[in-house]
PDB file of N, CA and C in Angstrom:
ATOM      1  N   MET A   1    -112.984 -77.651 -12.582  1.00  0.00           N
ATOM      2  CA  MET A   1    -112.144 -76.404 -11.794  1.00  0.00           C
ATOM      3  C   MET A   1    -111.384 -77.077 -10.357  1.00  0.00           C
ATOM      4  N   ALA A   2    -112.441 -78.103  -9.556  1.00  0.00           N
ATOM      5  CA  ALA A   2    -111.721 -78.735  -8.739  1.00  0.00           C
ATOM      6  C   ALA A   2    -110.663 -79.492  -8.670  1.00  0.00           C
ATOM      7  N   ASP A   3    -110.076 -80.074  -9.919  1.00  0.00           N
ATOM      8  CA  ASP A   3    -109.497 -81.025 -10.272  1.00  0.00           C
ATOM      9  C   ASP A   3    -107.927 -79.995 -10.111  1.00  0.00           C
ATOM     10  N   ASN A   4    -108.151 -78.979 -10.983  1.00  0.00           N
ATOM     11  CA  ASN A   4    -107.009 -77.874 -10.484  1.00  0.00           C
ATOM     12  C   ASN A   4    -106.371 -77.721  -9.261  1.00  0.00           C
ATOM     13  N   SER A   5    -107.460 -77.214  -8.452  1.00  0.00           N
ATOM     14  CA  SER A   5    -107.065 -76.324  -7.185  1.00  0.00           C
ATOM     15  C   SER A   5    -106.255 -78.005  -6.597  1.00  0.00           C
ATOM     16  N   LYS A   6    -106.609 -79.103  -6.920  1.00  0.00           N
ATOM     17  CA  LYS A   6    -105.877 -80.124  -5.893  1.00  0.00           C
ATOM     18  C   LYS A   6    -104.141 -80.187  -6.598  1.00  0.00           C
ATOM     19  N   VAL A   7    -104.460 -80.139  -7.682  1.00  0.00           N
ATOM     20  CA  VAL A   7    -103.153 -80.207  -8.263  1.00  0.00           C
ATOM     21  C   VAL A   7    -102.514 -79.216  -8.030  1.00  0.00           C
ATOM     22  N   ASP A   8    -102.720 -77.617  -7.644  1.00  0.00           N
ATOM     23  CA  ASP A   8    -102.097 -76.917  -7.221  1.00  0.00           C
ATOM     24  C   ASP A   8    -101.489 -77.170  -5.614  1.00  0.00           C
ATOM     25  N   ARG A   9    -102.522 -77.949  -4.867  1.00  0.00           N
ATOM     26  CA  ARG A   9    -101.904 -77.651  -3.929  1.00  0.00           C
ATOM     27  C   ARG A   9    -100.909 -78.595  -3.698  1.00  0.00           C
ATOM     28  N   ALA A  10    -101.024 -79.861  -4.650  1.00  0.00           N
ATOM     29  CA  ALA A  10     -99.957 -80.830  -4.692  1.00  0.00           C
ATOM     30  C   ALA A  10     -99.060 -80.578  -4.449  1.00  0.00           C
ATOM     31  N   ASN A  11     -99.007 -79.410  -5.775  1.00  0.00           N
ATOM     32  CA  ASN A  11     -97.376 -78.815  -5.988  1.00  0.00           C
ATOM     33  C   ASN A  11     -96.900 -78.307  -5.100  1.00  0.00           C
ATOM     34  N   ALA A  12     -97.734 -77.008  -4.472  1.00  0.00           N
ATOM     35  CA  ALA A  12     -97.794 -76.059  -3.504  1.00  0.00           C
ATOM     36  C   ALA A  12     -96.245 -77.124  -2.537  1.00  0.00           C
ATOM     37  N   GLN A  13     -97.479 -78.068  -1.842  1.00  0.00           N
ATOM     38  CA  GLN A  13     -97.163 -79.216  -0.754  1.00  0.00           C
ATOM     39  C   GLN A  13     -95.333 -80.055  -1.076  1.00  0.00           C
ATOM     40  N   PHE A  14     -95.290 -80.226  -2.372  1.00  0.00           N
ATOM     41  CA  PHE A  14     -94.193 -80.278  -3.235  1.00  0.00           C
ATOM     42  C   PHE A  14     -93.221 -79.954  -3.148  1.00  0.00           C
ATOM     43  N   ASN A  15     -93.556 -77.988  -3.361  1.00  0.00           N
ATOM     44  CA  ASN A  15     -92.050 -77.137  -3.727  1.00  0.00           C
ATOM     45  C   ASN A  15     -91.968 -77.251  -1.907  1.00  0.00           C
ATOM     46  N   LYS A  16     -92.989 -76.782  -1.113  1.00  0.00           N
ATOM     47  CA  LYS A  16     -92.350 -77.041   0.053  1.00  0.00           C
ATOM     48  C   LYS A  16     -92.020 -77.774   0.579  1.00  0.00           C
ATOM     49  N   LEU A  17     -91.636 -79.342   0.777  1.00  0.00           N
ATOM     50  CA  LEU A  17     -91.019 -79.806   0.968  1.00  0.00           C
ATOM     51  C   LEU A  17     -89.641 -79.695   0.566  1.00  0.00           C
ATOM     52  N   GLN A  18     -89.599 -79.734  -1.007  1.00  0.00           N
ATOM     53  CA  GLN A  18     -88.431 -79.247  -1.937  1.00  0.00           C
ATOM     54  C   GLN A  18     -87.343 -78.534  -0.786  1.00  0.00           C
ATOM     55  N   ARG A  19     -88.079 -76.992  -0.494  1.00  0.00           N
ATOM     56  CA  ARG A  19     -87.596 -76.127  -0.021  1.00  0.00           C
ATOM     57  C   ARG A  19     -86.920 -76.428   1.322  1.00  0.00           C
ATOM     58  N   ALA A  20     -87.434 -77.574   1.924  1.00  0.00           N
ATOM     59  CA  ALA A  20     -87.055 -77.742   3.560  1.00  0.00           C
ATOM     60  C   ALA A  20     -85.737 -78.681   3.101  1.00  0.00           C
ATOM     61  N   GLU A  21     -86.139 -79.443   2.364  1.00  0.00           N
ATOM     62  CA  GLU A  21     -84.757 -80.583   2.048  1.00  0.00           C
ATOM     63  C   GLU A  21     -83.559 -79.432   1.479  1.00  0.00           C
ATOM     64  N   ASP A  22     -84.103 -79.141   0.841  1.00  0.00           N
ATOM     65  CA  ASP A  22     -82.779 -77.917   0.108  1.00  0.00           C
ATOM     66  C   ASP A  22     -82.295 -77.247   1.545  1.00  0.00           C
ATOM     67  N   GLY A  23     -83.139 -76.535   2.050  1.00  0.00           N
ATOM     68  CA  GLY A  23     -82.452 -75.622   3.470  1.00  0.00           C
ATOM     69  C   GLY A  23     -81.682 -77.017   4.169  1.00  0.00           C
ATOM     70  N   LYS A  24     -82.133 -78.240   4.592  1.00  0.00           N
ATOM     71  CA  LYS A  24     -81.424 -79.012   5.267  1.00  0.00           C
ATOM     72  C   LYS A  24     -80.339 -79.436   4.699  1.00  0.00           C
ATOM     73  N   LYS A  25     -80.283 -79.271   3.297  1.00  0.00           N
ATOM     74  CA  LYS A  25     -78.687 -79.769   2.781  1.00  0.00           C
ATOM     75  C   LYS A  25     -77.891 -78.688   2.692  1.00  0.00           C
ATOM     76  N   ALA A  26     -78.247 -77.437   2.488  1.00  0.00           N
ATOM     77  CA  ALA A  26     -77.271 -75.824   3.223  1.00  0.00           C
ATOM     78  C   ALA A  26     -76.779 -76.003   4.032  1.00  0.00           C
ATOM     79  N   MET A  27     -77.118 -76.294   5.055  1.00  0.00           N
ATOM     80  CA  MET A  27     -76.999 -76.421   6.520  1.00  0.00           C
ATOM     81  C   MET A  27     -75.904 -77.197   6.962  1.00  0.00           C
ATOM     82  N   SER A  28     -76.211 -78.397   6.111  1.00  0.00           N
ATOM     83  CA  SER A  28     -75.163 -79.578   6.343  1.00  0.00           C
ATOM     84  C   SER A  28     -73.966 -78.709   6.019  1.00  0.00           C
ATOM     85  N   GLU A  29     -73.851 -78.431   4.476  1.00  0.00           N
ATOM     86  CA  GLU A  29     -72.395 -77.769   3.760  1.00  0.00           C
ATOM     87  C   GLU A  29     -72.539 -76.871   4.799  1.00  0.00           C
ATOM     88  N   TYR A  30     -73.072 -75.815   4.999  1.00  0.00           N
ATOM     89  CA  TYR A  30     -72.469 -74.507   6.336  1.00  0.00           C
ATOM     90  C   TYR A  30     -71.609 -75.181   7.134  1.00  0.00           C
ATOM     91  N   GLU A  31     -72.445 -76.288   7.974  1.00  0.00           N
ATOM     92  CA  GLU A  31     -71.790 -77.087   9.270  1.00  0.00           C
ATOM     93  C   GLU A  31     -70.308 -77.350   8.569  1.00  0.00           C
ATOM     94  N   ALA A  32     -70.519 -78.063   7.399  1.00  0.00           N
ATOM     95  CA  ALA A  32     -69.112 -78.992   6.966  1.00  0.00           C
ATOM     96  C   ALA A  32     -67.744 -78.174   6.739  1.00  0.00           C
ATOM     97  N   ASP A  33     -68.196 -76.672   6.397  1.00  0.00           N
ATOM     98  CA  ASP A  33     -67.586 -75.736   5.703  1.00  0.00           C
ATOM     99  C   ASP A  33     -66.788 -75.034   6.998  1.00  0.00           C
ATOM    100  N   ARG A  34     -67.735 -74.674   8.042  1.00  0.00           N
ATOM    101  CA  ARG A  34     -67.336 -74.076   9.598  1.00  0.00           C
ATOM    102  C   ARG A  34     -66.458 -75.350  10.245  1.00  0.00           C
ATOM    103  N   ILE A  35     -67.054 -76.476  10.192  1.00  0.00           N
ATOM    104  CA  ILE A  35     -65.744 -77.019  11.609  1.00  0.00           C
ATOM    105  C   ILE A  35     -64.699 -77.537   9.975  1.00  0.00           C
ATOM    106  N   ALA A  36     -64.763 -77.519   9.089  1.00  0.00           N
ATOM    107  CA  ALA A  36     -63.278 -77.749   8.071  1.00  0.00           C
ATOM    108  C   ALA A  36     -62.395 -75.991   8.573  1.00  0.00           C
ATOM    109  N   LEU A  37     -63.545 -75.108   8.244  1.00  0.00           N
ATOM    110  CA  LEU A  37     -62.332 -74.111   8.628  1.00  0.00           C
ATOM    111  C   LEU A  37     -61.605 -73.920  10.045  1.00  0.00           C
ATOM    112  N   ARG A  38     -62.451 -74.403  11.012  1.00  0.00           N
ATOM    113  CA  ARG A  38     -62.235 -74.215  12.552  1.00  0.00           C
ATOM    114  C   ARG A  38     -60.888 -75.145  12.494  1.00  0.00           C
ATOM    115  N   THR A  39     -60.925 -76.460  11.573  1.00  0.00           N
ATOM    116  CA  THR A  39     -59.972 -77.275  11.739  1.00  0.00           C
ATOM    117  C   THR A  39     -58.746 -76.708  10.842  1.00  0.00           C
ATOM    118  N   LYS A  40     -58.517 -76.316   9.816  1.00  0.00           N
ATOM    119  CA  LYS A  40     -57.428 -75.343   9.084  1.00  0.00           C
ATOM    120  C   LYS A  40     -56.446 -74.478   9.891  1.00  0.00           C
ATOM    121  N   THR A  41     -57.713 -73.707  10.843  1.00  0.00           N
ATOM    122  CA  THR A  41     -56.989 -72.673  11.976  1.00  0.00           C
ATOM    123  C   THR A  41     -56.791 -72.982  13.057  1.00  0.00           C
ATOM    124  N   GLU A  42     -56.914 -74.051  13.656  1.00  0.00           N
ATOM    125  CA  GLU A  42     -56.283 -74.205  14.747  1.00  0.00           C
ATOM    126  C   GLU A  42     -54.969 -75.117  14.409  1.00  0.00           C
ATOM    127  N   ARG A  43     -54.989 -75.869  13.344  1.00  0.00           N
ATOM    128  CA  ARG A  43     -53.651 -76.136  12.415  1.00  0.00           C
ATOM    129  C   ARG A  43     -52.416 -75.588  12.396  1.00  0.00           C
ATOM    130  N   LEU A  44     -53.099 -74.373  11.846  1.00  0.00           N
ATOM    131  CA  LEU A  44     -52.065 -73.468  11.077  1.00  0.00           C
ATOM    132  C   LEU A  44     -51.480 -72.372  12.502  1.00  0.00           C
ATOM    133  N   LYS A  45     -52.427 -72.229  13.712  1.00  0.00           N
ATOM    134  CA  LYS A  45     -52.804 -71.624  14.947  1.00  0.00           C
ATOM    135  C   LYS A  45     -51.278 -72.546  15.502  1.00  0.00           C
ATOM    136  N   ALA A  46     -51.651 -74.022  15.734  1.00  0.00           N
ATOM    137  CA  ALA A  46     -50.006 -75.035  16.348  1.00  0.00           C
ATOM    138  C   ALA A  46     -49.326 -74.135  15.458  1.00  0.00           C
ATOM    139  N   ALA A  47     -49.157 -74.937  14.194  1.00  0.00           N
ATOM    140  CA  ALA A  47     -48.399 -74.360  13.149  1.00  0.00           C
ATOM    141  C   ALA A  47     -47.101 -73.037  13.588  1.00  0.00           C
ATOM    142  N   ARG A  48     -48.070 -72.143  13.656  1.00  0.00           N
ATOM    143  CA  ARG A  48     -47.240 -70.799  13.805  1.00  0.00           C
ATOM    144  C   ARG A  48     -46.708 -70.705  15.152  1.00  0.00           C
ATOM    145  N   LEU A  49     -47.388 -70.965  16.018  1.00  0.00           N
ATOM    146  CA  LEU A  49     -46.889 -71.444  17.906  1.00  0.00           C
ATOM    147  C   LEU A  49     -45.581 -72.175  17.887  1.00  0.00           C
ATOM    148  N   ALA A  50     -45.749 -73.250  17.209  1.00  0.00           N
ATOM    149  CA  ALA A  50     -44.544 -73.929  17.123  1.00  0.00           C
ATOM    150  C   ALA A  50     -43.159 -73.076  16.330  1.00  0.00           C
ATOM    151  N   ARG A  51     -43.367 -72.539  15.379  1.00  0.00           N
ATOM    152  CA  ARG A  51     -42.570 -71.738  14.351  1.00  0.00           C
ATOM    153  C   ARG A  51     -41.609 -70.959  15.585  1.00  0.00           C
ATOM    154  N   ASP A  52     -42.745 -69.845  16.509  1.00  0.00           N
ATOM    155  CA  ASP A  52     -41.978 -68.634  17.346  1.00  0.00           C
ATOM    156  C   ASP A  52     -41.626 -69.410  18.296  1.00  0.00           C
ATOM    157  N   ALA A  53     -41.651 -70.527  18.675  1.00  0.00           N
ATOM    158  CA  ALA A  53     -40.957 -71.350  19.572  1.00  0.00           C
ATOM    159  C   ALA A  53     -39.556 -71.200  19.284  1.00  0.00           C
ATOM    160  N   ALA A  54     -39.520 -71.504  18.103  1.00  0.00           N
ATOM    161  CA  ALA A  54     -38.486 -72.274  17.709  1.00  0.00           C
ATOM    162  C   ALA A  54     -37.086 -71.218  17.400  1.00  0.00           C
ATOM    163  N   GLU A  55     -38.377 -69.760  16.700  1.00  0.00           N
ATOM    164  CA  GLU A  55     -37.513 -68.654  16.693  1.00  0.00           C
ATOM    165  C   GLU A  55     -36.994 -68.490  17.971  1.00  0.00           C
ATOM    166  N   LYS A  56     -38.011 -68.444  18.783  1.00  0.00           N
ATOM    167  CA  LYS A  56     -37.539 -67.937  20.287  1.00  0.00           C
ATOM    168  C   LYS A  56     -36.045 -68.682  21.145  1.00  0.00           C
ATOM    169  N   ALA A  57     -36.405 -69.843  20.644  1.00  0.00           N
ATOM    170  CA  ALA A  57     -35.273 -70.720  21.216  1.00  0.00           C
ATOM    171  C   ALA A  57     -33.831 -70.720  20.729  1.00  0.00           C
ATOM    172  N   ALA A  58     -34.164 -70.142  19.130  1.00  0.00           N
ATOM    173  CA  ALA A  58     -32.711 -69.587  18.514  1.00  0.00           C
ATOM    174  C   ALA A  58     -32.174 -68.900  18.904  1.00  0.00           C
ATOM    175  N   VAL A  59     -33.022 -67.827  18.865  1.00  0.00           N
ATOM    176  CA  VAL A  59     -32.613 -66.435  19.398  1.00  0.00           C
ATOM    177  C   VAL A  59     -31.882 -66.531  21.066  1.00  0.00           C
ATOM    178  N   SER A  60     -32.407 -67.237  21.906  1.00  0.00           N
ATOM    179  CA  SER A  60     -31.379 -67.174  23.036  1.00  0.00           C
ATOM    180  C   SER A  60     -30.568 -67.706  23.358  1.00  0.00           C
ATOM    181  N   GLU A  61     -30.112 -69.026  22.633  1.00  0.00           N
ATOM    182  CA  GLU A  61     -29.084 -69.624  21.754  1.00  0.00           C
ATOM    183  C   GLU A  61     -27.921 -69.400  21.341  1.00  0.00           C
ATOM    184  N   GLU A  62     -28.342 -67.863  20.493  1.00  0.00           N
ATOM    185  CA  GLU A  62     -26.710 -67.307  20.378  1.00  0.00           C
ATOM    186  C   GLU A  62     -26.319 -66.614  21.175  1.00  0.00           C
ATOM    187  N   PRO A  63     -25.427 -66.304  20.678  1.00  0.00           N
ATOM    188  CA  PRO A  63     -24.389 -65.636  22.191  1.00  0.00           C
ATOM    189  C   PRO A  63     -24.348 -63.925  22.238  1.00  0.00           C
ATOM    190  N   ALA A  64     -24.252 -63.597  23.115  1.00  0.00           N
ATOM    191  CA  ALA A  64     -24.786 -62.208  23.539  1.00  0.00           C
ATOM    192  C   ALA A  64     -23.888 -61.314  22.817  1.00  0.00           C
ATOM    193  N   THR A  65     -22.538 -61.639  22.445  1.00  0.00           N
ATOM    194  CA  THR A  65     -21.454 -61.146  22.576  1.00  0.00           C
ATOM    195  C   THR A  65     -21.993 -60.474  21.092  1.00  0.00           C
ATOM    196  N   LYS A  66     -22.580 -61.143  20.139  1.00  0.00           N
ATOM    197  CA  LYS A  66     -22.321 -60.381  18.657  1.00  0.00           C
ATOM    198  C   LYS A  66     -23.238 -58.822  19.090  1.00  0.00           C
ATOM    199  N   THR A  67     -22.719 -57.980  18.809  1.00  0.00           N
ATOM    200  CA  THR A  67     -23.481 -56.935  18.361  1.00  0.00           C
ATOM    201  C   THR A  67     -23.157 -55.801  16.959  1.00  0.00           C
ATOM    202  N   LYS A  68     -24.122 -55.184  16.767  1.00  0.00           N
ATOM    203  CA  LYS A  68     -24.241 -54.468  15.581  1.00  0.00           C
ATOM    204  C   LYS A  68     -23.626 -53.690  15.597  1.00  0.00           C
ATOM    205  N   ALA A  69     -22.888 -52.586  14.787  1.00  0.00           N
ATOM    206  CA  ALA A  69     -22.055 -51.071  15.114  1.00  0.00           C
ATOM    207  C   ALA A  69     -23.275 -50.257  14.396  1.00  0.00           C
ATOM    208  N   PRO A  70     -23.819 -49.720  15.869  1.00  0.00           N
ATOM    209  CA  PRO A  70     -24.770 -48.086  14.976  1.00  0.00           C
ATOM    210  C   PRO A  70     -24.268 -48.132  13.678  1.00  0.00           C
ATOM    211  N   ALA A  71     -26.013 -48.102  12.748  1.00  0.00           N
ATOM    212  CA  ALA A  71     -25.427 -47.237  11.648  1.00  0.00           C
ATOM    213  C   ALA A  71     -24.907 -46.012  11.795  1.00  0.00           C
ATOM    214  N   LYS A  72     -24.631 -45.885  10.434  1.00  0.00           N
ATOM    215  CA  LYS A  72     -23.966 -44.333  10.603  1.00  0.00           C
ATOM    216  C   LYS A  72     -24.871 -43.283   9.912  1.00  0.00           C
ATOM    217  N   LYS A  73     -25.275 -42.185  10.338  1.00  0.00           N
ATOM    218  CA  LYS A  73     -26.008 -41.469   9.766  1.00  0.00           C
ATOM    219  C   LYS A  73     -26.078 -40.657   8.716  1.00  0.00           C
ATOM    220  N   LYS A  74     -26.472 -40.614   8.178  1.00  0.00           N
ATOM    221  CA  LYS A  74     -26.196 -39.497   6.642  1.00  0.00           C
ATOM    222  C   LYS A  74     -26.228 -37.864   7.516  1.00  0.00           C
ATOM    223  N   LYS A  75     -25.944 -36.838   7.470  1.00  0.00           N
ATOM    224  CA  LYS A  75     -26.364 -35.609   7.378  1.00  0.00           C
ATOM    225  C   LYS A  75     -26.714 -35.261   6.599  1.00  0.00           C
ATOM    226  N   ALA A  76     -28.027 -34.454   6.645  1.00  0.00           N
ATOM    227  CA  ALA A  76     -28.309 -33.514   5.764  1.00  0.00           C
ATOM    228  C   ALA A  76     -27.656 -32.550   5.030  1.00  0.00           C
ATOM    229  N   THR A  77     -27.579 -31.962   4.146  1.00  0.00           N
ATOM    230  CA  THR A  77     -26.718 -30.577   4.079  1.00  0.00           C
ATOM    231  C   THR A  77     -27.455 -29.449   3.547  1.00  0.00           C
ATOM    232  N   ALA A  78     -27.143 -28.197   3.490  1.00  0.00           N
ATOM    233  CA  ALA A  78     -27.604 -27.227   2.868  1.00  0.00           C
ATOM    234  C   ALA A  78     -27.670 -27.402   1.854  1.00  0.00           C
ATOM    235  N   GLU A  79     -26.565 -28.030   0.931  1.00  0.00           N
ATOM    236  CA  GLU A  79     -26.464 -28.373  -0.604  1.00  0.00           C
ATOM    237  C   GLU A  79     -27.845 -28.944  -0.840  1.00  0.00           C
ATOM    238  N   THR A  80     -27.951 -29.836   0.245  1.00  0.00           N
ATOM    239  CA  THR A  80     -29.603 -30.624  -0.873  1.00  0.00           C
ATOM    240  C   THR A  80     -30.817 -29.980  -0.214  1.00  0.00           C
ATOM    241  N   PHE A  81     -30.850 -29.181   1.071  1.00  0.00           N
ATOM    242  CA  PHE A  81     -32.130 -28.381   0.846  1.00  0.00           C
ATOM    243  C   PHE A  81     -31.932 -27.430  -0.166  1.00  0.00           C
ATOM    244  N   SER A  82     -30.944 -26.605  -0.410  1.00  0.00           N
ATOM    245  CA  SER A  82     -31.351 -25.254  -1.386  1.00  0.00           C
ATOM    246  C   SER A  82     -31.829 -26.368  -2.865  1.00  0.00           C
ATOM    247  N   ARG A  83     -31.648 -26.990  -3.013  1.00  0.00           N
ATOM    248  CA  ARG A  83     -31.412 -27.164  -4.408  1.00  0.00           C
ATOM    249  C   ARG A  83     -33.202 -28.129  -4.278  1.00  0.00           C
ATOM    250  N   TRP A  84     -33.568 -28.956  -3.327  1.00  0.00           N
ATOM    251  CA  TRP A  84     -34.466 -28.763  -2.856  1.00  0.00           C
ATOM    252  C   TRP A  84     -35.391 -27.392  -3.457  1.00  0.00           C
ATOM    253  N   LEU A  85     -35.641 -26.726  -3.091  1.00  0.00           N
ATOM    254  CA  LEU A  85     -36.038 -25.415  -2.877  1.00  0.00           C
ATOM    255  C   LEU A  85     -35.868 -24.421  -4.411  1.00  0.00           C
ATOM    256  N   ASP A  86     -34.827 -24.615  -4.919  1.00  0.00           N
ATOM    257  CA  ASP A  86     -34.741 -24.495  -6.158  1.00  0.00           C
ATOM    258  C   ASP A  86     -35.537 -25.458  -7.387  1.00  0.00           C
ATOM    259  N   GLU A  87     -35.798 -26.686  -6.973  1.00  0.00           N
ATOM    260  CA  GLU A  87     -36.241 -27.603  -7.823  1.00  0.00           C
ATOM    261  C   GLU A  87     -37.890 -27.244  -7.632  1.00  0.00           C
ATOM    262  N   GLN A  88     -38.596 -26.408  -6.448  1.00  0.00           N
ATOM    263  CA  GLN A  88     -40.098 -26.590  -5.906  1.00  0.00           C
ATOM    264  C   GLN A  88     -40.085 -25.336  -6.986  1.00  0.00           C
ATOM    265  N   GLN A  89     -38.938 -24.194  -6.614  1.00  0.00           N
ATOM    266  CA  GLN A  89     -39.549 -22.604  -7.198  1.00  0.00           C
ATOM    267  C   GLN A  89     -39.505 -23.255  -9.170  1.00  0.00           C
ATOM    268  N   ASN A  90     -38.575 -23.543  -9.647  1.00  0.00           N
ATOM    269  CA  ASN A  90     -38.115 -24.067 -11.250  1.00  0.00           C
ATOM    270  C   ASN A  90     -39.987 -25.006 -11.769  1.00  0.00           C
ATOM    271  N   SER A  91     -40.445 -25.732 -10.423  1.00  0.00           N
ATOM    272  CA  SER A  91     -41.648 -26.471 -11.446  1.00  0.00           C
ATOM    273  C   SER A  91     -42.969 -25.842 -11.155  1.00  0.00           C
ATOM    274  N   GLY A  92     -42.644 -24.787 -10.707  1.00  0.00           N
ATOM    275  CA  GLY A  92     -43.816 -23.566 -10.663  1.00  0.00           C
ATOM    276  C   GLY A  92     -44.647 -23.180  -9.106  1.00  0.00           C
ATOM    277  N   ARG A  93     -43.947 -24.171  -8.500  1.00  0.00           N
ATOM    278  CA  ARG A  93     -44.355 -24.317  -7.089  1.00  0.00           C
ATOM    279  C   ARG A  93     -43.865 -22.570  -6.342  1.00  0.00           C
ATOM    280  N   ARG A  94     -45.210 -22.048  -5.834  1.00  0.00           N
ATOM    281  CA  ARG A  94     -44.217 -20.901  -4.791  1.00  0.00           C
ATOM    282  C   ARG A  94     -45.268 -20.824  -3.387  1.00  0.00           C
ATOM    283  N   SER A  95     -44.137 -20.702  -2.291  1.00  0.00           N
ATOM    284  CA  SER A  95     -44.622 -20.401  -1.153  1.00  0.00           C
ATOM    285  C   SER A  95     -43.975 -19.118  -0.560  1.00  0.00           C
TER     286      SER A  95
END
């Protein structure tokens, strides 16, 4: 019986060391992922800011004389509203 307890303690100690090593490995992977994400984010932010600055510069270089004509608004007619009411009544809705 004494031999079993020594084996059990040795196995427990081995498992404890194994978990500690796994924890260290997981933390190093986590840190590497975090660094990679931060680097990627900084790179994308710099690219976005450069793109926005280029767009702003392009807009400021365009002549101000170009203006679009105002869009013509469609007039709502009574015919379309009455048609809509008829469709509502024909579909079974009553109000």
